Amino acid sequence: MIAASAVPEGTPIIPVGPDAAQAACSVIRESVTHCCALDHGHDPAILTAWLANKTPENLAAWISAPGAAAWGAYRGDTMVGFALLARATLVLCYAVPEALHQGVGRALLQHVETHARKVGLSAVDLESTRTAERFYRRHGYVPHGAVQTWAGLQAQPMRKVL
């Protein structure tokens, strides 16, 4: 595990377990709903499909899965960002609207990559939303495969060689 560190705004990034699933679920749902309009276009059917599996129960199971590692970004006692690495795939990396453009996502991504190197991974894969693609490109991720579509959403497979 990586020791807690802070982004310039004083937001510690700490490893989290399944007990953080409710807070992580709230972060993800708020971020998708309010920050990812480029992807869902405020279409209720797309939002419902996207969020259907984003439940505290599923998050707890994903965090507990073999090969998974998760981190939360906190302001006080409130989680404002969450990232989940499942083996070599970054499956979730979200921040609440109030934490955007303040280094929270970057700090979470750095923790994921540091952990990946520590456990011997040579690359990190992910599927980016259209909203997040520029963020990942800025941090060295490149397209790695054809765009995927599902339930009205597009996802660009990306990879960063570590």
Protein backbone atom coordinates (compact mmCIF):
# COMPACT_ATOMS: atom_id res chain seq x y z
CA MET A 1 0.00 0.00 0.00
CA ILE A 2 1.06 3.55 -0.66
CA ALA A 3 1.23 5.96 2.25
CA ALA A 4 -1.23 8.84 2.31
CA SER A 5 -0.09 11.92 0.46
CA ALA A 6 -1.67 15.24 -0.34
CA VAL A 7 -2.33 17.19 -3.50
CA PRO A 8 -1.52 20.90 -3.27
CA GLU A 9 -5.02 21.66 -2.02
CA GLY A 10 -4.46 19.49 1.06
CA THR A 11 -6.69 16.67 -0.14
CA PRO A 12 -5.17 13.41 1.16
CA ILE A 13 -5.27 10.38 -1.10
CA ILE A 14 -5.53 7.21 0.97
CA PRO A 15 -6.03 3.52 0.23
CA VAL A 16 -9.62 2.46 0.94
CA GLY A 17 -11.41 -0.81 1.51
CA PRO A 18 -14.97 -2.03 1.04
CA ASP A 19 -16.12 0.07 3.99
CA ALA A 20 -15.70 3.11 1.68
CA ALA A 21 -18.09 1.70 -0.95
CA GLN A 22 -21.03 3.96 -0.06
CA ALA A 23 -18.90 7.11 -0.29
CA ALA A 24 -17.24 5.89 -3.51
CA CYS A 25 -20.65 5.17 -5.00
CA SER A 26 -21.79 8.71 -4.18
CA VAL A 27 -18.68 10.21 -5.79
CA ILE A 28 -19.13 8.17 -8.97
CA ARG A 29 -22.85 8.87 -9.30
CA GLU A 30 -22.41 12.61 -8.70
CA SER A 31 -19.50 12.82 -11.14
CA VAL A 32 -21.24 10.87 -13.90
CA THR A 33 -24.48 12.82 -13.51
CA HIS A 34 -22.98 16.31 -13.33
CA CYS A 35 -19.61 16.09 -15.11
CA CYS A 36 -20.14 13.67 -17.98
CA ALA A 37 -22.88 15.41 -19.97
CA LEU A 38 -20.73 15.13 -23.12
CA ASP A 39 -21.25 11.38 -22.82
CA HIS A 40 -24.85 11.04 -21.64
CA GLY A 41 -26.37 14.25 -22.99
CA HIS A 42 -28.72 14.31 -19.98
CA ASP A 43 -30.57 11.36 -21.51
CA PRO A 44 -32.29 9.54 -18.60
CA ALA A 45 -32.07 6.15 -20.36
CA ILE A 46 -28.31 6.46 -20.89
CA LEU A 47 -27.76 7.67 -17.30
CA THR A 48 -29.85 4.81 -15.92
CA ALA A 49 -27.89 2.24 -17.92
CA TRP A 50 -24.52 3.79 -16.97
CA LEU A 51 -25.33 3.96 -13.27
CA ALA A 52 -27.19 0.64 -12.97
CA ASN A 53 -24.20 -1.28 -11.61
CA LYS A 54 -22.78 1.62 -9.57
CA THR A 55 -24.21 0.42 -6.24
CA PRO A 56 -22.53 0.26 -2.82
CA GLU A 57 -22.80 -3.54 -2.93
CA ASN A 58 -21.04 -3.78 -6.29
CA LEU A 59 -18.40 -1.24 -5.29
CA ALA A 60 -17.65 -3.21 -2.11
CA ALA A 61 -17.26 -6.41 -4.17
CA TRP A 62 -15.04 -4.70 -6.76
CA ILE A 63 -12.82 -3.15 -4.08
CA SER A 64 -12.50 -6.57 -2.38
CA ALA A 65 -11.74 -8.54 -5.54
CA PRO A 66 -8.36 -10.26 -5.88
CA GLY A 67 -5.85 -7.94 -7.55
CA ALA A 68 -7.91 -4.81 -6.84
CA ALA A 69 -6.62 -1.64 -5.19
CA ALA A 70 -8.65 1.47 -4.43
CA TRP A 71 -7.98 5.02 -3.24
CA GLY A 72 -10.12 7.86 -1.98
CA ALA A 73 -9.41 11.57 -2.05
CA TYR A 74 -10.75 13.32 1.03
CA ARG A 75 -11.57 16.83 2.18
CA GLY A 76 -12.14 16.45 5.87
CA ASP A 77 -14.28 13.36 6.29
CA THR A 78 -15.83 13.66 2.83
CA MET A 79 -14.62 11.60 -0.12
CA VAL A 80 -14.28 13.87 -3.17
CA GLY A 81 -12.51 11.45 -5.52
CA PHE A 82 -12.19 7.72 -6.03
CA ALA A 83 -10.03 5.41 -8.17
CA LEU A 84 -10.10 1.63 -8.56
CA LEU A 85 -7.44 -0.48 -10.25
CA ALA A 86 -8.45 -4.06 -11.05
CA ARG A 87 -5.27 -5.96 -11.87
CA ALA A 88 -3.89 -3.93 -14.81
CA THR A 89 -7.05 -1.99 -15.63
CA LEU A 90 -8.10 1.36 -14.20
CA VAL A 91 -11.83 0.71 -14.02
CA LEU A 92 -12.94 3.82 -12.11
CA CYS A 93 -11.44 7.28 -11.62
CA TYR A 94 -13.89 10.01 -10.68
CA ALA A 95 -14.04 13.29 -8.77
CA VAL A 96 -17.04 15.28 -7.61
CA PRO A 97 -17.76 18.50 -9.55
CA GLU A 98 -16.41 20.71 -6.74
CA ALA A 99 -13.02 18.94 -6.94
CA LEU A 100 -12.53 19.13 -10.71
CA HIS A 101 -9.46 20.94 -12.08
CA GLN A 102 -7.82 21.00 -8.64
CA GLY A 103 -5.36 18.12 -8.97
CA VAL A 104 -7.54 15.43 -7.40
CA GLY A 105 -7.80 13.27 -10.54
CA ARG A 106 -4.09 13.70 -11.25
CA ALA A 107 -3.18 12.66 -7.69
CA LEU A 108 -5.45 9.61 -7.87
CA LEU A 109 -3.94 8.62 -11.22
CA GLN A 110 -0.41 9.01 -9.82
CA HIS A 111 -1.29 6.68 -6.93
CA VAL A 112 -2.69 4.12 -9.36
CA GLU A 113 0.44 4.24 -11.52
CA THR A 114 2.82 4.09 -8.54
CA HIS A 115 0.97 1.06 -7.20
CA ALA A 116 0.97 -0.57 -10.65
CA ARG A 117 4.75 -0.20 -10.91
CA LYS A 118 5.19 -1.51 -7.36
CA VAL A 119 3.26 -4.69 -8.16
CA GLY A 120 5.23 -5.21 -11.37
CA LEU A 121 2.80 -4.06 -14.04
CA SER A 122 4.33 -2.72 -17.24
CA ALA A 123 1.21 -0.85 -18.40
CA VAL A 124 -2.19 0.38 -17.22
CA ASP A 125 -5.25 0.00 -19.45
CA LEU A 126 -8.58 1.82 -19.22
CA GLU A 127 -11.67 2.68 -21.21
CA SER A 128 -12.12 6.42 -21.28
CA THR A 129 -15.33 8.33 -21.60
CA ARG A 130 -15.33 11.16 -24.12
CA THR A 131 -15.39 13.56 -21.16
CA ALA A 132 -12.18 12.16 -19.66
CA GLU A 133 -10.20 11.37 -22.80
CA ARG A 134 -8.25 14.67 -22.86
CA PHE A 135 -7.38 14.20 -19.17
CA TYR A 136 -5.91 10.76 -19.83
CA ARG A 137 -4.06 11.92 -22.95
CA ARG A 138 -2.43 14.72 -20.90
CA HIS A 139 -1.16 12.04 -18.53
CA GLY A 140 0.43 9.85 -21.19
CA TYR A 141 -2.39 7.47 -22.13
CA VAL A 142 -2.87 6.72 -25.81
CA PRO A 143 -5.69 5.05 -27.73
CA HIS A 144 -5.30 1.28 -27.69
CA GLY A 145 -8.04 -0.26 -29.79
CA ALA A 146 -11.28 0.70 -31.45
CA VAL A 147 -13.91 2.83 -29.74
CA GLN A 148 -16.47 0.66 -27.93
CA THR A 149 -20.18 1.51 -27.75
CA TRP A 150 -22.74 0.36 -25.22
CA ALA A 151 -26.16 1.73 -24.21
CA GLY A 152 -25.59 5.00 -26.07
CA LEU A 153 -22.12 5.53 -24.59
CA GLN A 154 -18.72 5.51 -26.23
CA ALA A 155 -15.53 4.31 -24.57
CA GLN A 156 -12.03 4.72 -25.99
CA PRO A 157 -9.67 1.93 -24.88
CA MET A 158 -6.39 3.54 -23.79
CA ARG A 159 -3.06 2.38 -22.40
CA LYS A 160 -0.05 3.89 -20.71
CA VAL A 161 3.23 2.01 -20.70
CA LEU A 162 4.83 2.53 -17.32
